[in-house]
N, C-alpha and C. Protein backbone atom coordinates (compact mmCIF):
# COMPACT_ATOMS: atom_id res chain seq x y z
N MET A 1 1.13 -1.16 -0.07
CA MET A 1 -0.01 -0.06 0.61
C MET A 1 0.41 0.92 -0.03
N THR A 2 2.02 1.21 -0.54
CA THR A 2 2.96 2.25 0.01
C THR A 2 3.05 2.61 -1.73
N GLU A 3 2.73 2.58 -2.77
CA GLU A 3 2.46 2.60 -4.33
C GLU A 3 1.90 3.47 -4.06
N GLU A 4 2.17 4.85 -4.86
CA GLU A 4 1.81 5.92 -5.01
C GLU A 4 0.65 5.81 -5.85
N GLN A 5 -0.54 6.21 -6.16
CA GLN A 5 -1.52 6.54 -6.79
C GLN A 5 -1.39 7.76 -7.40
N LYS A 6 -1.51 7.47 -8.97
CA LYS A 6 -1.68 7.80 -10.51
C LYS A 6 -3.32 8.69 -11.10
N PHE A 7 -2.98 9.60 -10.74
CA PHE A 7 -3.66 10.10 -11.51
C PHE A 7 -4.13 9.92 -12.82
N GLU A 8 -5.52 9.16 -13.02
CA GLU A 8 -6.07 9.00 -15.14
C GLU A 8 -6.81 9.96 -14.75
N ARG A 9 -5.93 10.68 -16.30
CA ARG A 9 -6.67 12.09 -17.20
C ARG A 9 -7.91 11.39 -18.95
N GLY A 10 -7.87 10.29 -18.37
CA GLY A 10 -8.06 10.45 -18.82
C GLY A 10 -8.16 10.26 -21.05
N THR A 11 -6.76 11.05 -21.24
CA THR A 11 -6.13 10.71 -22.52
C THR A 11 -6.60 9.79 -23.75
N SER A 12 -7.21 9.09 -23.05
CA SER A 12 -6.72 7.73 -23.82
C SER A 12 -8.81 8.29 -24.68
N LEU A 13 -9.78 8.93 -24.48
CA LEU A 13 -10.82 8.84 -25.43
C LEU A 13 -9.90 10.30 -26.08
N SER A 14 -9.39 11.01 -25.76
CA SER A 14 -9.13 12.38 -26.59
C SER A 14 -9.17 12.26 -28.09
N ILE A 15 -9.41 12.74 -28.84
CA ILE A 15 -9.63 12.99 -29.66
C ILE A 15 -7.58 12.96 -30.91
N PHE A 16 -7.49 14.24 -29.56
CA PHE A 16 -6.10 14.63 -30.05
C PHE A 16 -4.70 14.28 -29.25
N GLY A 17 -3.84 13.57 -29.98
CA GLY A 17 -2.60 13.29 -29.60
C GLY A 17 -2.01 14.02 -27.86
N SER A 18 -1.62 15.05 -28.08
CA SER A 18 -1.67 15.60 -26.59
C SER A 18 -2.09 16.29 -26.04
N ASP A 19 -2.18 16.85 -25.01
CA ASP A 19 -3.32 17.83 -24.27
C ASP A 19 -3.09 19.49 -24.84
N ARG A 20 -2.08 19.69 -24.71
CA ARG A 20 -1.33 21.40 -25.09
C ARG A 20 -2.65 21.76 -26.29
N ARG A 21 -2.27 20.28 -27.25
CA ARG A 21 -3.26 20.96 -28.52
C ARG A 21 -5.05 20.81 -28.25
N GLU A 22 -5.53 20.16 -27.48
CA GLU A 22 -6.22 19.84 -26.89
C GLU A 22 -7.42 21.33 -25.87
N ASP A 23 -5.96 21.50 -24.95
CA ASP A 23 -6.60 22.73 -24.03
C ASP A 23 -6.93 24.05 -25.05
N PHE A 24 -5.44 23.26 -26.69
CA PHE A 24 -5.91 24.59 -27.22
C PHE A 24 -6.94 24.88 -28.56
N MET A 25 -7.65 24.49 -29.08
CA MET A 25 -8.77 24.31 -29.26
C MET A 25 -9.59 23.94 -28.76
N ALA A 26 -9.38 23.77 -27.94
CA ALA A 26 -10.96 23.96 -26.51
C ALA A 26 -11.12 25.34 -26.47
N LEU A 27 -10.39 25.83 -26.78
CA LEU A 27 -9.60 28.29 -26.41
C LEU A 27 -10.40 28.74 -27.47
N ILE A 28 -9.53 28.12 -28.07
CA ILE A 28 -10.21 28.72 -30.34
C ILE A 28 -11.76 28.51 -30.28
N PHE A 29 -12.60 27.20 -30.03
CA PHE A 29 -13.97 26.52 -29.34
C PHE A 29 -14.14 27.68 -28.62
N ALA A 30 -13.90 28.35 -27.90
CA ALA A 30 -15.20 28.77 -26.96
C ALA A 30 -14.78 30.30 -27.18
N LEU A 31 -13.97 30.96 -27.78
CA LEU A 31 -14.13 31.73 -28.26
C LEU A 31 -14.59 32.73 -29.57
N ALA A 32 -14.37 31.22 -30.08
CA ALA A 32 -15.07 30.95 -31.63
C ALA A 32 -17.01 31.47 -30.91
N ILE A 33 -17.91 30.77 -30.19
CA ILE A 33 -18.72 30.88 -29.48
C ILE A 33 -19.04 32.06 -28.82
N ALA A 34 -18.32 32.42 -28.63
CA ALA A 34 -18.19 34.77 -27.30
C ALA A 34 -17.96 35.03 -28.80
N PHE A 35 -17.77 34.70 -29.48
CA PHE A 35 -17.67 35.72 -30.39
C PHE A 35 -19.07 35.96 -31.25
N GLY A 36 -19.89 35.01 -31.33
CA GLY A 36 -20.43 34.63 -32.23
C GLY A 36 -21.80 35.20 -31.56
N VAL A 37 -22.17 34.92 -29.50
CA VAL A 37 -22.26 35.17 -28.77
C VAL A 37 -23.00 37.14 -28.84
N TYR A 38 -21.27 37.08 -28.51
CA TYR A 38 -21.81 38.80 -28.67
C TYR A 38 -22.38 39.94 -29.86
N PHE A 39 -22.42 39.12 -30.75
CA PHE A 39 -22.22 39.66 -32.87
C PHE A 39 -23.10 39.33 -33.18
N PHE A 40 -23.52 38.52 -33.01
CA PHE A 40 -25.07 37.82 -33.25
C PHE A 40 -26.59 38.14 -32.91
N ILE A 41 -26.30 38.23 -31.65
CA ILE A 41 -27.19 37.69 -30.52
C ILE A 41 -27.31 39.16 -29.83
């Protein structure tokens, strides 16, 4: 029981190879939604 537990982030479910790319795409997607709401509603 002295073995350290690792936190599994679930990266196997991601369609991207790296977490950084996934975060960057999520940021761009969120900004696109924000601009759409700001300019069209």
